[in-house]
Amino acid sequence: QKEMIENPSLLRGNAKWSALLLHAFPDIAEELGADGLHLPLPALRLLSPESRKRFRRLGASCHSAADAREAAALGCTYITAGHVFDTACKAGTPGRGLAFLREVCRAADIPVWAIGGIAPGNFPAVLAAGARGGCVMSGLMTCGDPAALLADFSRRGA
């Protein structure tokens, strides 16, 4: 944490992105003037309304339709919903499935991003369930050609 605060260029310096969103470090995000913050819903509940309003983009990890409604009421501009499919990141815990994702998308009046086991082959179904898009972690970290994987997502999401 100290290193990020003392040298924010580690986060922004060479980035090609237009926004900086931090996960799980609200104090650092505020100090750096980050554009956004993503938190687990229990951590978001502890953040003051004033702190939540400081971020142009505010997101929370949600695991039910009730979570989605609460996150929106707390000022979130988007949520992640998961985990949708089985994933190595949650080994031994079955994915909640597309019916879960549809329910969360119907309950939310803000964009929903699906997370957990998202792959090019299931991406069209994720979009059909109402998600704005999908979040990918393991797939990108373990594939041999990230650019080809992202191109496959683009083809299937068009």
C-alpha atoms as a PDB file:
ATOM      1  CA  GLN A   1       0.000   0.000   0.000  1.00  0.00           C
ATOM      2  CA  LYS A   2       2.720   2.421   0.978  1.00  0.00           C
ATOM      3  CA  GLU A   3       4.548   1.808  -2.309  1.00  0.00           C
ATOM      4  CA  MET A   4       1.399   2.573  -4.339  1.00  0.00           C
ATOM      5  CA  ILE A   5       0.815   5.837  -2.480  1.00  0.00           C
ATOM      6  CA  GLU A   6       4.440   6.951  -2.739  1.00  0.00           C
ATOM      7  CA  ASN A   7       4.678   6.023  -6.411  1.00  0.00           C
ATOM      8  CA  PRO A   8       1.250   6.209  -8.074  1.00  0.00           C
ATOM      9  CA  SER A   9       2.902   5.897 -11.481  1.00  0.00           C
ATOM     10  CA  LEU A  10       3.152   2.194 -10.681  1.00  0.00           C
ATOM     11  CA  LEU A  11      -0.605   2.162 -11.235  1.00  0.00           C
ATOM     12  CA  ARG A  12      -1.089   4.905 -13.823  1.00  0.00           C
ATOM     13  CA  GLY A  13       2.298   5.627 -15.357  1.00  0.00           C
ATOM     14  CA  ASN A  14       2.358   3.500 -18.474  1.00  0.00           C
ATOM     15  CA  ALA A  15      -1.275   2.456 -18.543  1.00  0.00           C
ATOM     16  CA  LYS A  16      -3.186   2.798 -21.791  1.00  0.00           C
ATOM     17  CA  TRP A  17      -6.491   2.849 -19.941  1.00  0.00           C
ATOM     18  CA  SER A  18      -8.627   5.927 -19.532  1.00  0.00           C
ATOM     19  CA  ALA A  19      -9.669   5.150 -15.968  1.00  0.00           C
ATOM     20  CA  LEU A  20      -8.075   3.747 -12.844  1.00  0.00           C
ATOM     21  CA  LEU A  21     -10.260   1.495 -10.674  1.00  0.00           C
ATOM     22  CA  LEU A  22      -8.854  -0.030  -7.524  1.00  0.00           C
ATOM     23  CA  HIS A  23     -10.127  -3.117  -5.772  1.00  0.00           C
ATOM     24  CA  ALA A  24     -10.313  -3.415  -1.991  1.00  0.00           C
ATOM     25  CA  PHE A  25      -8.241  -0.345  -1.074  1.00  0.00           C
ATOM     26  CA  PRO A  26     -10.640   2.584  -0.549  1.00  0.00           C
ATOM     27  CA  ASP A  27      -8.140   4.731   1.349  1.00  0.00           C
ATOM     28  CA  ILE A  28      -5.505   4.371  -1.365  1.00  0.00           C
ATOM     29  CA  ALA A  29      -8.106   4.951  -4.083  1.00  0.00           C
ATOM     30  CA  GLU A  30      -9.159   8.206  -2.407  1.00  0.00           C
ATOM     31  CA  GLU A  31      -5.594   9.349  -1.854  1.00  0.00           C
ATOM     32  CA  LEU A  32      -4.637   8.662  -5.475  1.00  0.00           C
ATOM     33  CA  GLY A  33      -7.775  10.261  -6.826  1.00  0.00           C
ATOM     34  CA  ALA A  34      -8.744   7.024  -8.545  1.00  0.00           C
ATOM     35  CA  ASP A  35     -11.662   7.182 -10.941  1.00  0.00           C
ATOM     36  CA  GLY A  36     -13.301   4.185  -9.372  1.00  0.00           C
ATOM     37  CA  LEU A  37     -13.406   1.594  -6.661  1.00  0.00           C
ATOM     38  CA  HIS A  38     -14.655  -1.992  -6.579  1.00  0.00           C
ATOM     39  CA  LEU A  39     -15.385  -3.679  -3.255  1.00  0.00           C
ATOM     40  CA  PRO A  40     -17.012  -6.792  -1.876  1.00  0.00           C
ATOM     41  CA  LEU A  41     -20.533  -5.784  -0.807  1.00  0.00           C
ATOM     42  CA  PRO A  42     -19.779  -6.217   2.944  1.00  0.00           C
ATOM     43  CA  ALA A  43     -16.870  -3.751   2.613  1.00  0.00           C
ATOM     44  CA  LEU A  44     -19.007  -1.319   0.606  1.00  0.00           C
ATOM     45  CA  ARG A  45     -21.557  -1.262   3.428  1.00  0.00           C
ATOM     46  CA  LEU A  46     -18.833   0.054   5.760  1.00  0.00           C
ATOM     47  CA  LEU A  47     -17.823   2.903   3.461  1.00  0.00           C
ATOM     48  CA  SER A  48     -19.375   6.240   4.343  1.00  0.00           C
ATOM     49  CA  PRO A  49     -21.804   7.850   1.896  1.00  0.00           C
ATOM     50  CA  GLU A  50     -19.318  10.709   1.466  1.00  0.00           C
ATOM     51  CA  SER A  51     -16.543   8.285   0.514  1.00  0.00           C
ATOM     52  CA  ARG A  52     -18.804   6.416  -1.912  1.00  0.00           C
ATOM     53  CA  LYS A  53     -19.697   9.679  -3.668  1.00  0.00           C
ATOM     54  CA  ARG A  54     -16.041  10.506  -4.325  1.00  0.00           C
ATOM     55  CA  PHE A  55     -15.804   7.874  -7.062  1.00  0.00           C
ATOM     56  CA  ARG A  56     -17.128   8.342 -10.569  1.00  0.00           C
ATOM     57  CA  ARG A  57     -17.325   4.556 -10.887  1.00  0.00           C
ATOM     58  CA  LEU A  58     -18.283   2.431  -7.906  1.00  0.00           C
ATOM     59  CA  GLY A  59     -18.816  -1.310  -8.083  1.00  0.00           C
ATOM     60  CA  ALA A  60     -19.523  -4.221  -5.809  1.00  0.00           C
ATOM     61  CA  SER A  61     -19.320  -7.991  -6.020  1.00  0.00           C
ATOM     62  CA  CYS A  62     -22.833  -9.406  -5.742  1.00  0.00           C
ATOM     63  CA  HIS A  63     -24.122 -12.931  -5.254  1.00  0.00           C
ATOM     64  CA  SER A  64     -27.902 -12.475  -5.367  1.00  0.00           C
ATOM     65  CA  ALA A  65     -30.656 -10.242  -6.705  1.00  0.00           C
ATOM     66  CA  ALA A  66     -31.002  -8.725  -3.229  1.00  0.00           C
ATOM     67  CA  ASP A  67     -27.279  -7.897  -3.254  1.00  0.00           C
ATOM     68  CA  ALA A  68     -27.706  -6.188  -6.638  1.00  0.00           C
ATOM     69  CA  ARG A  69     -30.535  -4.006  -5.379  1.00  0.00           C
ATOM     70  CA  GLU A  70     -28.579  -3.104  -2.244  1.00  0.00           C
ATOM     71  CA  ALA A  71     -25.449  -2.234  -4.232  1.00  0.00           C
ATOM     72  CA  ALA A  72     -27.478   0.091  -6.456  1.00  0.00           C
ATOM     73  CA  ALA A  73     -29.069   1.717  -3.401  1.00  0.00           C
ATOM     74  CA  LEU A  74     -25.572   2.283  -1.965  1.00  0.00           C
ATOM     75  CA  GLY A  75     -24.605   4.217  -5.088  1.00  0.00           C
ATOM     76  CA  CYS A  76     -22.910   1.630  -7.270  1.00  0.00           C
ATOM     77  CA  THR A  77     -22.670   2.438 -10.950  1.00  0.00           C
ATOM     78  CA  TYR A  78     -22.157  -1.242 -11.871  1.00  0.00           C
ATOM     79  CA  ILE A  79     -21.864  -4.638 -10.213  1.00  0.00           C
ATOM     80  CA  THR A  80     -20.198  -7.956 -10.848  1.00  0.00           C
ATOM     81  CA  ALA A  81     -22.364 -11.049 -10.428  1.00  0.00           C
ATOM     82  CA  GLY A  82     -20.873 -14.429  -9.819  1.00  0.00           C
ATOM     83  CA  HIS A  83     -19.565 -16.777  -9.928  1.00  0.00           C
ATOM     84  CA  VAL A  84     -21.642 -17.839 -12.886  1.00  0.00           C
ATOM     85  CA  PHE A  85     -19.807 -20.957 -14.072  1.00  0.00           C
ATOM     86  CA  ASP A  86     -17.408 -23.373 -12.421  1.00  0.00           C
ATOM     87  CA  THR A  87     -13.961 -21.833 -12.180  1.00  0.00           C
ATOM     88  CA  ALA A  88     -10.555 -22.765 -10.834  1.00  0.00           C
ATOM     89  CA  CYS A  89     -10.656 -19.568  -8.741  1.00  0.00           C
ATOM     90  CA  LYS A  90     -13.546 -21.082  -6.736  1.00  0.00           C
ATOM     91  CA  ALA A  91     -12.554 -24.726  -6.950  1.00  0.00           C
ATOM     92  CA  GLY A  92     -15.073 -27.064  -5.371  1.00  0.00           C
ATOM     93  CA  THR A  93     -17.893 -24.504  -5.387  1.00  0.00           C
ATOM     94  CA  PRO A  94     -20.309 -24.967  -8.283  1.00  0.00           C
ATOM     95  CA  GLY A  95     -21.152 -21.977 -10.444  1.00  0.00           C
ATOM     96  CA  ARG A  96     -24.511 -20.341  -9.806  1.00  0.00           C
ATOM     97  CA  GLY A  97     -25.541 -20.629 -13.454  1.00  0.00           C
ATOM     98  CA  LEU A  98     -27.292 -18.563 -16.084  1.00  0.00           C
ATOM     99  CA  ALA A  99     -30.640 -18.520 -14.243  1.00  0.00           C
ATOM    100  CA  PHE A 100     -28.866 -16.767 -11.358  1.00  0.00           C
ATOM    101  CA  LEU A 101     -27.323 -14.273 -13.774  1.00  0.00           C
ATOM    102  CA  ARG A 102     -30.694 -13.561 -15.434  1.00  0.00           C
ATOM    103  CA  GLU A 103     -32.268 -12.965 -12.013  1.00  0.00           C
ATOM    104  CA  VAL A 104     -29.533 -10.540 -10.970  1.00  0.00           C
ATOM    105  CA  CYS A 105     -29.704  -8.696 -14.299  1.00  0.00           C
ATOM    106  CA  ARG A 106     -33.489  -8.310 -13.977  1.00  0.00           C
ATOM    107  CA  ALA A 107     -33.129  -7.008 -10.402  1.00  0.00           C
ATOM    108  CA  ALA A 108     -30.384  -4.504 -11.167  1.00  0.00           C
ATOM    109  CA  ASP A 109     -31.023  -1.111 -12.690  1.00  0.00           C
ATOM    110  CA  ILE A 110     -27.279  -0.685 -13.255  1.00  0.00           C
ATOM    111  CA  PRO A 111     -24.912  -2.604 -15.564  1.00  0.00           C
ATOM    112  CA  VAL A 112     -24.084  -6.162 -14.492  1.00  0.00           C
ATOM    113  CA  TRP A 113     -20.782  -7.781 -15.427  1.00  0.00           C
ATOM    114  CA  ALA A 114     -20.686 -11.568 -15.134  1.00  0.00           C
ATOM    115  CA  ILE A 115     -17.686 -13.156 -13.454  1.00  0.00           C
ATOM    116  CA  GLY A 116     -16.569 -16.715 -12.882  1.00  0.00           C
ATOM    117  CA  GLY A 117     -15.747 -19.191 -15.623  1.00  0.00           C
ATOM    118  CA  ILE A 118     -16.479 -16.736 -18.424  1.00  0.00           C
ATOM    119  CA  ALA A 119     -15.082 -18.071 -21.705  1.00  0.00           C
ATOM    120  CA  PRO A 120     -15.651 -17.353 -25.387  1.00  0.00           C
ATOM    121  CA  GLY A 121     -17.909 -20.398 -25.699  1.00  0.00           C
ATOM    122  CA  ASN A 122     -20.348 -19.251 -23.004  1.00  0.00           C
ATOM    123  CA  PHE A 123     -20.025 -15.510 -23.615  1.00  0.00           C
ATOM    124  CA  PRO A 124     -23.048 -15.247 -25.971  1.00  0.00           C
ATOM    125  CA  ALA A 125     -25.227 -16.893 -23.287  1.00  0.00           C
ATOM    126  CA  VAL A 126     -23.881 -14.436 -20.689  1.00  0.00           C
ATOM    127  CA  LEU A 127     -24.909 -11.517 -22.898  1.00  0.00           C
ATOM    128  CA  ALA A 128     -28.275 -13.126 -23.654  1.00  0.00           C
ATOM    129  CA  ALA A 129     -28.893 -13.379 -19.893  1.00  0.00           C
ATOM    130  CA  GLY A 130     -28.698  -9.590 -19.713  1.00  0.00           C
ATOM    131  CA  ALA A 131     -25.103  -8.960 -18.617  1.00  0.00           C
ATOM    132  CA  ARG A 132     -23.298  -5.939 -20.034  1.00  0.00           C
ATOM    133  CA  GLY A 133     -20.218  -8.116 -20.426  1.00  0.00           C
ATOM    134  CA  GLY A 134     -17.947 -10.555 -18.677  1.00  0.00           C
ATOM    135  CA  CYS A 135     -14.876 -10.443 -16.468  1.00  0.00           C
ATOM    136  CA  VAL A 136     -12.057 -12.860 -17.220  1.00  0.00           C
ATOM    137  CA  MET A 137      -9.179 -13.690 -14.937  1.00  0.00           C
ATOM    138  CA  SER A 138      -7.982 -17.297 -15.115  1.00  0.00           C
ATOM    139  CA  GLY A 139      -8.521 -17.578 -18.848  1.00  0.00           C
ATOM    140  CA  LEU A 140      -6.228 -14.655 -19.581  1.00  0.00           C
ATOM    141  CA  MET A 141      -3.617 -15.703 -17.044  1.00  0.00           C
ATOM    142  CA  THR A 142      -3.353 -19.243 -18.363  1.00  0.00           C
ATOM    143  CA  CYS A 143      -3.802 -18.901 -22.133  1.00  0.00           C
ATOM    144  CA  GLY A 144      -0.909 -18.881 -24.543  1.00  0.00           C
ATOM    145  CA  ASP A 145      -2.196 -15.950 -26.600  1.00  0.00           C
ATOM    146  CA  PRO A 146      -4.214 -13.324 -24.699  1.00  0.00           C
ATOM    147  CA  ALA A 147      -4.773 -11.230 -27.847  1.00  0.00           C
ATOM    148  CA  ALA A 148      -6.324 -14.220 -29.630  1.00  0.00           C
ATOM    149  CA  LEU A 149      -8.526 -14.967 -26.615  1.00  0.00           C
ATOM    150  CA  LEU A 150      -9.785 -11.378 -26.504  1.00  0.00           C
ATOM    151  CA  ALA A 151     -10.399 -11.428 -30.261  1.00  0.00           C
ATOM    152  CA  ASP A 152     -12.479 -14.603 -29.793  1.00  0.00           C
ATOM    153  CA  PHE A 153     -14.576 -12.813 -27.138  1.00  0.00           C
ATOM    154  CA  SER A 154     -15.033  -9.857 -29.515  1.00  0.00           C
ATOM    155  CA  ARG A 155     -16.208 -12.104 -32.351  1.00  0.00           C
ATOM    156  CA  ARG A 156     -18.713 -13.879 -30.141  1.00  0.00           C
ATOM    157  CA  GLY A 157     -19.978 -10.749 -28.428  1.00  0.00           C
ATOM    158  CA  ALA A 158     -20.673  -8.787 -31.591  1.00  0.00           C
END
